[in-house]
């Protein structure tokens, strides 16, 4: 009987995957691509300071928070201007469904100690409503 239950599990998982819409699959693929590109960029940048006294990897590990500490989103990508300076961050808006991405200028952000040990957050004057009202970010392959 136990073998039968285990044999059914892959079929059930395949059925759940089939229920995912094409748009959801494309969104997942886009998010995976963004994460791979960000990881490659952070690896290439190494331990060099990128912005705000942080490395690119530290920026990518940071959360964007409001002045009251409310989490607004996750940093998904560091974007640079033509001179190679960090100019903005691609943010995945917290609890958006489907996932929404916006860009937030690096100017005006400050580094604060996060809620977890050795955690870094980036604080902004923006609110969740401000982010929700921003246009969707352009997400093309780099």
N, C-alpha and C. Protein backbone atom coordinates (compact mmCIF):
# COMPACT_ATOMS: atom_id res chain seq x y z
N UNK A 1 0.83 -1.20 0.00
CA UNK A 1 0.00 0.00 0.00
C UNK A 1 0.86 1.26 0.00
N UNK A 2 1.97 1.23 0.76
CA UNK A 2 2.85 2.39 0.82
C UNK A 2 3.43 2.71 -0.56
N UNK A 3 3.82 1.72 -1.33
CA UNK A 3 4.37 1.91 -2.66
C UNK A 3 3.35 2.61 -3.56
N UNK A 4 2.10 2.23 -3.44
CA UNK A 4 1.05 2.83 -4.26
C UNK A 4 0.94 4.32 -3.97
N UNK A 5 0.98 4.71 -2.72
CA UNK A 5 0.89 6.12 -2.36
C UNK A 5 2.07 6.89 -2.92
N UNK A 6 3.27 6.32 -2.83
CA UNK A 6 4.45 7.00 -3.35
C UNK A 6 4.43 7.08 -4.88
N UNK A 7 3.88 6.07 -5.53
CA UNK A 7 3.80 6.07 -6.98
C UNK A 7 2.82 7.13 -7.48
N UNK A 8 1.84 7.46 -6.71
CA UNK A 8 0.83 8.45 -7.10
C UNK A 8 1.36 9.87 -6.96
N UNK A 9 2.32 10.09 -6.09
CA UNK A 9 2.85 11.44 -5.83
C UNK A 9 3.36 12.11 -7.10
N UNK A 10 4.21 11.48 -7.94
CA UNK A 10 4.65 12.17 -9.16
C UNK A 10 3.50 12.52 -10.10
N UNK A 11 2.49 11.69 -10.17
CA UNK A 11 1.34 11.97 -11.02
C UNK A 11 0.59 13.20 -10.48
N UNK A 12 0.44 13.27 -9.17
CA UNK A 12 -0.24 14.41 -8.56
C UNK A 12 0.54 15.69 -8.80
N UNK A 13 1.86 15.65 -8.64
CA UNK A 13 2.68 16.83 -8.88
C UNK A 13 2.61 17.27 -10.34
N UNK A 14 2.62 16.32 -11.25
CA UNK A 14 2.51 16.65 -12.67
C UNK A 14 1.16 17.29 -12.96
N UNK A 15 0.11 16.82 -12.31
CA UNK A 15 -1.21 17.41 -12.51
C UNK A 15 -1.26 18.84 -12.01
N UNK A 16 -0.61 19.10 -10.87
CA UNK A 16 -0.57 20.47 -10.35
C UNK A 16 0.19 21.38 -11.30
N UNK A 17 1.30 20.91 -11.83
CA UNK A 17 2.09 21.71 -12.77
C UNK A 17 1.28 22.01 -14.02
N UNK A 18 0.47 21.07 -14.45
CA UNK A 18 -0.35 21.27 -15.65
C UNK A 18 -1.40 22.35 -15.42
N UNK A 19 -1.79 22.57 -14.17
CA UNK A 19 -2.80 23.58 -13.83
C UNK A 19 -2.23 25.00 -13.91
N UNK A 20 -0.91 25.12 -13.88
CA UNK A 20 -0.28 26.43 -13.95
C UNK A 20 -0.49 27.00 -15.36
N UNK A 21 -0.91 28.23 -15.42
CA UNK A 21 -1.18 28.84 -16.72
C UNK A 21 0.11 29.15 -17.46
N UNK A 22 0.01 29.38 -18.75
CA UNK A 22 1.18 29.74 -19.55
C UNK A 22 1.78 31.05 -19.04
N UNK A 23 0.94 31.99 -18.65
CA UNK A 23 1.42 33.27 -18.13
C UNK A 23 2.22 33.05 -16.85
N UNK A 24 1.75 32.17 -15.98
CA UNK A 24 2.48 31.87 -14.74
C UNK A 24 3.81 31.20 -15.04
N UNK A 25 3.83 30.29 -16.02
CA UNK A 25 5.09 29.64 -16.38
C UNK A 25 6.08 30.65 -16.95
N UNK A 26 5.59 31.57 -17.76
CA UNK A 26 6.47 32.60 -18.33
C UNK A 26 6.98 33.53 -17.23
N UNK A 27 6.11 33.89 -16.30
CA UNK A 27 6.53 34.75 -15.19
C UNK A 27 7.60 34.05 -14.35
N UNK A 28 7.41 32.76 -14.08
CA UNK A 28 8.42 32.00 -13.32
C UNK A 28 9.73 31.95 -14.08
N UNK A 29 9.68 31.74 -15.38
CA UNK A 29 10.89 31.68 -16.19
C UNK A 29 11.61 33.03 -16.19
N UNK A 30 10.85 34.12 -16.27
CA UNK A 30 11.43 35.46 -16.24
C UNK A 30 12.11 35.71 -14.90
N UNK A 31 11.45 35.36 -13.82
CA UNK A 31 12.03 35.55 -12.49
C UNK A 31 13.29 34.71 -12.33
N UNK A 32 13.28 33.49 -12.81
CA UNK A 32 14.47 32.63 -12.75
C UNK A 32 15.62 33.27 -13.53
N UNK A 33 15.32 33.83 -14.70
CA UNK A 33 16.35 34.48 -15.52
C UNK A 33 16.93 35.69 -14.80
N UNK A 34 16.07 36.50 -14.19
CA UNK A 34 16.53 37.67 -13.45
C UNK A 34 17.47 37.25 -12.33
N UNK A 35 17.09 36.21 -11.60
CA UNK A 35 17.92 35.74 -10.49
C UNK A 35 19.27 35.22 -10.99
N UNK A 36 19.28 34.48 -12.11
CA UNK A 36 20.55 33.98 -12.67
C UNK A 36 21.44 35.14 -13.09
N UNK A 37 20.87 36.11 -13.78
CA UNK A 37 21.65 37.27 -14.23
C UNK A 37 22.20 38.05 -13.04
N UNK A 38 21.39 38.23 -12.01
CA UNK A 38 21.83 38.97 -10.83
C UNK A 38 22.98 38.22 -10.14
N UNK A 39 22.86 36.91 -10.05
CA UNK A 39 23.90 36.09 -9.42
C UNK A 39 25.21 36.20 -10.20
N UNK A 40 25.13 36.12 -11.52
CA UNK A 40 26.32 36.24 -12.37
C UNK A 40 26.96 37.61 -12.21
N UNK A 41 26.14 38.65 -12.17
CA UNK A 41 26.65 40.01 -12.03
C UNK A 41 27.33 40.18 -10.67
N UNK A 42 26.72 39.65 -9.61
CA UNK A 42 27.30 39.75 -8.27
C UNK A 42 28.62 38.98 -8.20
N UNK A 43 28.67 37.81 -8.84
CA UNK A 43 29.92 37.04 -8.87
C UNK A 43 31.02 37.83 -9.57
N UNK A 44 30.69 38.48 -10.68
CA UNK A 44 31.67 39.26 -11.44
C UNK A 44 32.14 40.48 -10.64
N UNK A 45 31.24 41.10 -9.89
CA UNK A 45 31.58 42.29 -9.12
C UNK A 45 32.43 41.97 -7.90
N UNK A 46 32.28 40.76 -7.38
CA UNK A 46 33.07 40.36 -6.22
C UNK A 46 32.79 41.20 -4.99
N UNK A 47 33.86 41.55 -4.28
CA UNK A 47 33.74 42.28 -3.02
C UNK A 47 33.84 43.79 -3.19
N UNK A 48 33.81 44.26 -4.42
CA UNK A 48 33.90 45.71 -4.65
C UNK A 48 32.62 46.39 -4.18
N UNK A 49 32.78 47.58 -3.59
CA UNK A 49 31.61 48.35 -3.17
C UNK A 49 30.83 48.78 -4.41
N UNK A 50 29.53 48.54 -4.38
CA UNK A 50 28.67 48.91 -5.51
C UNK A 50 27.97 50.24 -5.24
N UNK A 51 27.33 50.35 -4.10
CA UNK A 51 26.61 51.57 -3.72
C UNK A 51 26.24 51.51 -2.25
N UNK A 52 26.08 52.66 -1.64
CA UNK A 52 25.63 52.76 -0.25
C UNK A 52 26.54 52.02 0.73
N UNK A 53 27.80 51.82 0.34
CA UNK A 53 28.74 51.12 1.19
C UNK A 53 28.57 49.60 1.17
N UNK A 54 27.77 49.11 0.23
CA UNK A 54 27.48 47.68 0.13
C UNK A 54 28.00 47.10 -1.18
N UNK A 55 28.30 45.81 -1.16
CA UNK A 55 28.65 45.12 -2.39
C UNK A 55 27.37 44.82 -3.16
N UNK A 56 27.53 44.41 -4.40
CA UNK A 56 26.36 44.06 -5.20
C UNK A 56 25.59 42.91 -4.55
N UNK A 57 26.33 41.91 -4.04
CA UNK A 57 25.67 40.78 -3.39
C UNK A 57 24.87 41.22 -2.17
N UNK A 58 25.43 42.15 -1.39
CA UNK A 58 24.70 42.65 -0.21
C UNK A 58 23.44 43.40 -0.63
N UNK A 59 23.53 44.16 -1.71
CA UNK A 59 22.34 44.85 -2.22
C UNK A 59 21.28 43.84 -2.63
N UNK A 60 21.72 42.77 -3.31
CA UNK A 60 20.77 41.75 -3.78
C UNK A 60 20.13 40.98 -2.62
N UNK A 61 20.81 40.91 -1.50
CA UNK A 61 20.27 40.21 -0.33
C UNK A 61 19.37 41.09 0.52
N UNK A 62 19.30 42.37 0.18
CA UNK A 62 18.56 43.32 1.01
C UNK A 62 17.07 43.32 0.69
N UNK A 63 16.30 43.75 1.67
CA UNK A 63 14.87 44.01 1.50
C UNK A 63 14.67 45.52 1.44
N UNK A 64 13.68 45.95 0.70
CA UNK A 64 13.29 47.36 0.70
C UNK A 64 12.20 47.53 1.74
N UNK A 65 12.41 48.48 2.66
CA UNK A 65 11.44 48.69 3.74
C UNK A 65 11.03 50.16 3.80
N UNK A 66 9.83 50.37 4.31
CA UNK A 66 9.31 51.72 4.52
C UNK A 66 9.90 52.29 5.81
N UNK A 67 9.65 53.56 6.04
CA UNK A 67 10.15 54.22 7.24
C UNK A 67 9.73 53.55 8.54
N UNK A 68 8.56 52.91 8.53
CA UNK A 68 8.07 52.23 9.74
C UNK A 68 8.55 50.79 9.83
N UNK A 69 9.39 50.36 8.88
CA UNK A 69 9.92 49.00 8.90
C UNK A 69 9.12 47.99 8.11
N UNK A 70 7.99 48.40 7.56
CA UNK A 70 7.17 47.50 6.76
C UNK A 70 7.94 47.07 5.52
N UNK A 71 7.98 45.76 5.27
CA UNK A 71 8.68 45.27 4.09
C UNK A 71 7.87 45.60 2.85
N UNK A 72 8.53 46.24 1.89
CA UNK A 72 7.88 46.64 0.65
C UNK A 72 8.22 45.72 -0.51
N UNK A 73 9.38 45.10 -0.45
CA UNK A 73 9.79 44.23 -1.55
C UNK A 73 11.20 43.73 -1.40
N UNK A 74 11.62 42.94 -2.38
CA UNK A 74 12.95 42.34 -2.39
C UNK A 74 13.74 42.91 -3.56
N UNK A 75 15.02 43.17 -3.32
CA UNK A 75 15.90 43.60 -4.40
C UNK A 75 16.18 42.38 -5.27
N UNK A 76 15.89 42.49 -6.55
CA UNK A 76 16.09 41.39 -7.48
C UNK A 76 17.26 41.63 -8.43
N UNK A 77 17.58 42.91 -8.66
CA UNK A 77 18.62 43.21 -9.63
C UNK A 77 19.19 44.60 -9.35
N UNK A 78 20.49 44.74 -9.56
CA UNK A 78 21.17 46.03 -9.45
C UNK A 78 21.34 46.55 -10.87
N UNK A 79 20.88 47.77 -11.10
CA UNK A 79 20.98 48.35 -12.44
C UNK A 79 21.94 49.52 -12.42
N UNK A 80 22.73 49.60 -13.48
CA UNK A 80 23.77 50.63 -13.58
C UNK A 80 23.50 51.56 -14.75
N UNK A 81 24.02 52.78 -14.63
CA UNK A 81 23.90 53.75 -15.72
C UNK A 81 25.03 53.52 -16.73
N UNK A 82 25.10 54.38 -17.74
CA UNK A 82 26.10 54.23 -18.81
C UNK A 82 27.52 54.32 -18.27
N UNK A 83 27.71 55.02 -17.16
CA UNK A 83 29.05 55.16 -16.56
C UNK A 83 29.40 53.98 -15.66
N UNK A 84 28.47 53.04 -15.49
CA UNK A 84 28.73 51.87 -14.65
C UNK A 84 28.39 52.07 -13.18
N UNK A 85 27.81 53.21 -12.85
CA UNK A 85 27.42 53.50 -11.46
C UNK A 85 26.03 52.92 -11.19
N UNK A 86 25.83 52.40 -9.98
CA UNK A 86 24.51 51.88 -9.62
C UNK A 86 23.54 53.06 -9.60
N UNK A 87 22.47 52.94 -10.38
CA UNK A 87 21.51 54.04 -10.48
C UNK A 87 20.15 53.67 -9.91
N UNK A 88 19.78 52.39 -10.01
CA UNK A 88 18.47 51.96 -9.51
C UNK A 88 18.50 50.48 -9.20
N UNK A 89 17.47 50.07 -8.48
CA UNK A 89 17.32 48.67 -8.10
C UNK A 89 15.99 48.16 -8.64
N UNK A 90 16.01 46.95 -9.15
CA UNK A 90 14.77 46.29 -9.57
C UNK A 90 14.19 45.63 -8.32
N UNK A 91 12.98 45.99 -8.00
CA UNK A 91 12.32 45.51 -6.78
C UNK A 91 11.12 44.65 -7.15
N UNK A 92 11.03 43.47 -6.53
CA UNK A 92 9.81 42.66 -6.64
C UNK A 92 8.91 43.10 -5.49
N UNK A 93 7.76 43.65 -5.83
CA UNK A 93 6.85 44.18 -4.81
C UNK A 93 6.33 43.05 -3.93
N UNK A 94 6.39 43.26 -2.65
CA UNK A 94 5.96 42.28 -1.65
C UNK A 94 4.49 41.90 -1.83
N UNK A 95 4.23 40.62 -1.81
CA UNK A 95 2.87 40.07 -1.86
C UNK A 95 2.09 40.45 -3.12
N UNK A 96 2.78 40.77 -4.20
CA UNK A 96 2.06 41.05 -5.45
C UNK A 96 1.74 39.73 -6.14
N UNK A 97 0.56 39.64 -6.69
CA UNK A 97 0.13 38.42 -7.37
C UNK A 97 -0.73 38.81 -8.57
N UNK A 98 -0.21 38.68 -9.77
CA UNK A 98 1.08 38.09 -10.10
C UNK A 98 2.22 39.01 -9.68
N UNK A 99 3.45 38.45 -9.64
CA UNK A 99 4.60 39.23 -9.24
C UNK A 99 4.73 40.48 -10.09
N UNK A 100 5.00 41.60 -9.40
CA UNK A 100 5.23 42.88 -10.10
C UNK A 100 6.61 43.38 -9.74
N UNK A 101 7.24 43.99 -10.73
CA UNK A 101 8.58 44.53 -10.56
C UNK A 101 8.55 46.00 -10.92
N UNK A 102 9.23 46.81 -10.09
CA UNK A 102 9.38 48.23 -10.34
C UNK A 102 10.84 48.59 -10.11
N UNK A 103 11.25 49.74 -10.63
CA UNK A 103 12.60 50.20 -10.35
C UNK A 103 12.54 51.36 -9.37
N UNK A 104 13.49 51.34 -8.44
CA UNK A 104 13.58 52.38 -7.42
C UNK A 104 14.97 53.00 -7.52
N UNK A 105 15.06 54.32 -7.64
CA UNK A 105 16.37 54.98 -7.71
C UNK A 105 17.17 54.73 -6.43
N UNK A 106 18.47 54.59 -6.59
CA UNK A 106 19.35 54.36 -5.43
C UNK A 106 19.41 55.61 -4.56
N UNK A 107 19.28 56.80 -5.20
CA UNK A 107 19.28 58.05 -4.44
C UNK A 107 18.08 58.06 -3.50
N UNK A 108 18.30 58.44 -2.29
CA UNK A 108 17.22 58.51 -1.31
C UNK A 108 17.07 57.26 -0.47
N UNK A 109 17.82 56.20 -0.79
CA UNK A 109 17.78 54.99 0.02
C UNK A 109 18.84 55.08 1.10
N UNK A 110 18.56 54.49 2.24
CA UNK A 110 19.55 54.42 3.30
C UNK A 110 19.63 52.99 3.83
N UNK A 111 20.80 52.63 4.31
CA UNK A 111 21.04 51.29 4.82
C UNK A 111 20.71 51.26 6.30
N UNK A 112 19.92 50.26 6.69
CA UNK A 112 19.61 50.08 8.11
C UNK A 112 19.82 48.61 8.47
N UNK A 113 20.04 48.38 9.74
CA UNK A 113 20.18 47.00 10.21
C UNK A 113 18.82 46.34 10.14
N UNK A 114 18.77 45.16 9.55
CA UNK A 114 17.52 44.45 9.38
C UNK A 114 17.03 43.80 10.64
N UNK A 115 15.94 43.07 10.50
CA UNK A 115 15.31 42.43 11.65
C UNK A 115 16.00 41.14 12.07
N UNK A 116 16.86 40.59 11.21
CA UNK A 116 17.58 39.37 11.53
C UNK A 116 19.05 39.68 11.69
N UNK A 117 19.75 38.84 12.42
CA UNK A 117 21.18 39.00 12.63
C UNK A 117 21.90 39.09 11.29
N UNK A 118 22.77 40.07 11.14
CA UNK A 118 23.56 40.29 9.92
C UNK A 118 22.68 40.52 8.69
N UNK A 119 21.48 41.01 8.88
CA UNK A 119 20.56 41.29 7.79
C UNK A 119 20.63 42.79 7.50
N UNK A 120 20.59 43.13 6.22
CA UNK A 120 20.63 44.53 5.82
C UNK A 120 19.36 44.86 5.07
N UNK A 121 18.76 45.98 5.41
CA UNK A 121 17.58 46.46 4.71
C UNK A 121 17.91 47.82 4.11
N UNK A 122 17.19 48.18 3.07
CA UNK A 122 17.30 49.49 2.46
C UNK A 122 16.01 50.22 2.73
N UNK A 123 16.11 51.34 3.40
CA UNK A 123 14.93 52.10 3.78
C UNK A 123 14.65 53.19 2.76
N UNK A 124 13.37 53.39 2.48
CA UNK A 124 12.92 54.40 1.54
C UNK A 124 11.79 55.22 2.16
N UNK A 125 11.57 56.39 1.59
CA UNK A 125 10.43 57.21 2.00
C UNK A 125 9.16 56.79 1.27
N UNK A 126 9.30 55.90 0.27
CA UNK A 126 8.14 55.41 -0.48
C UNK A 126 7.25 54.53 0.40
N UNK A 127 5.99 54.47 0.05
CA UNK A 127 5.04 53.60 0.73
C UNK A 127 4.65 52.45 -0.19
N UNK A 128 3.93 51.49 0.34
CA UNK A 128 3.42 50.39 -0.48
C UNK A 128 2.51 50.95 -1.58
N UNK A 129 1.74 51.97 -1.26
CA UNK A 129 0.85 52.57 -2.24
C UNK A 129 1.66 53.27 -3.35
N UNK A 130 2.76 53.91 -2.96
CA UNK A 130 3.63 54.55 -3.96
C UNK A 130 4.16 53.50 -4.94
N UNK A 131 4.66 52.39 -4.40
CA UNK A 131 5.19 51.33 -5.26
C UNK A 131 4.11 50.75 -6.16
N UNK A 132 2.92 50.54 -5.60
CA UNK A 132 1.81 49.97 -6.37
C UNK A 132 1.43 50.89 -7.53
N UNK A 133 1.62 52.19 -7.36
CA UNK A 133 1.27 53.15 -8.40
C UNK A 133 2.36 53.35 -9.45
N UNK A 134 3.52 52.75 -9.24
CA UNK A 134 4.62 52.90 -10.20
C UNK A 134 4.39 52.01 -11.41
N UNK A 135 4.93 52.42 -12.56
CA UNK A 135 4.79 51.56 -13.75
C UNK A 135 5.64 50.30 -13.59
N UNK A 136 5.22 49.24 -14.27
CA UNK A 136 5.99 48.00 -14.27
C UNK A 136 7.35 48.27 -14.88
N UNK A 137 8.37 47.64 -14.31
CA UNK A 137 9.73 47.80 -14.81
C UNK A 137 9.92 47.03 -16.11
N UNK A 138 10.79 47.54 -16.93
CA UNK A 138 11.19 46.83 -18.14
C UNK A 138 12.10 45.68 -17.72
N UNK A 139 11.77 44.48 -18.17
CA UNK A 139 12.55 43.31 -17.79
C UNK A 139 13.00 42.59 -19.04
N UNK A 140 14.02 43.15 -19.67
CA UNK A 140 14.55 42.49 -20.84
C UNK A 140 15.85 41.79 -20.46
N UNK A 141 16.23 40.81 -21.24
CA UNK A 141 17.46 40.07 -20.98
C UNK A 141 18.65 41.01 -21.13
N UNK A 142 19.63 40.83 -20.26
CA UNK A 142 20.82 41.67 -20.33
C UNK A 142 21.91 40.99 -21.10
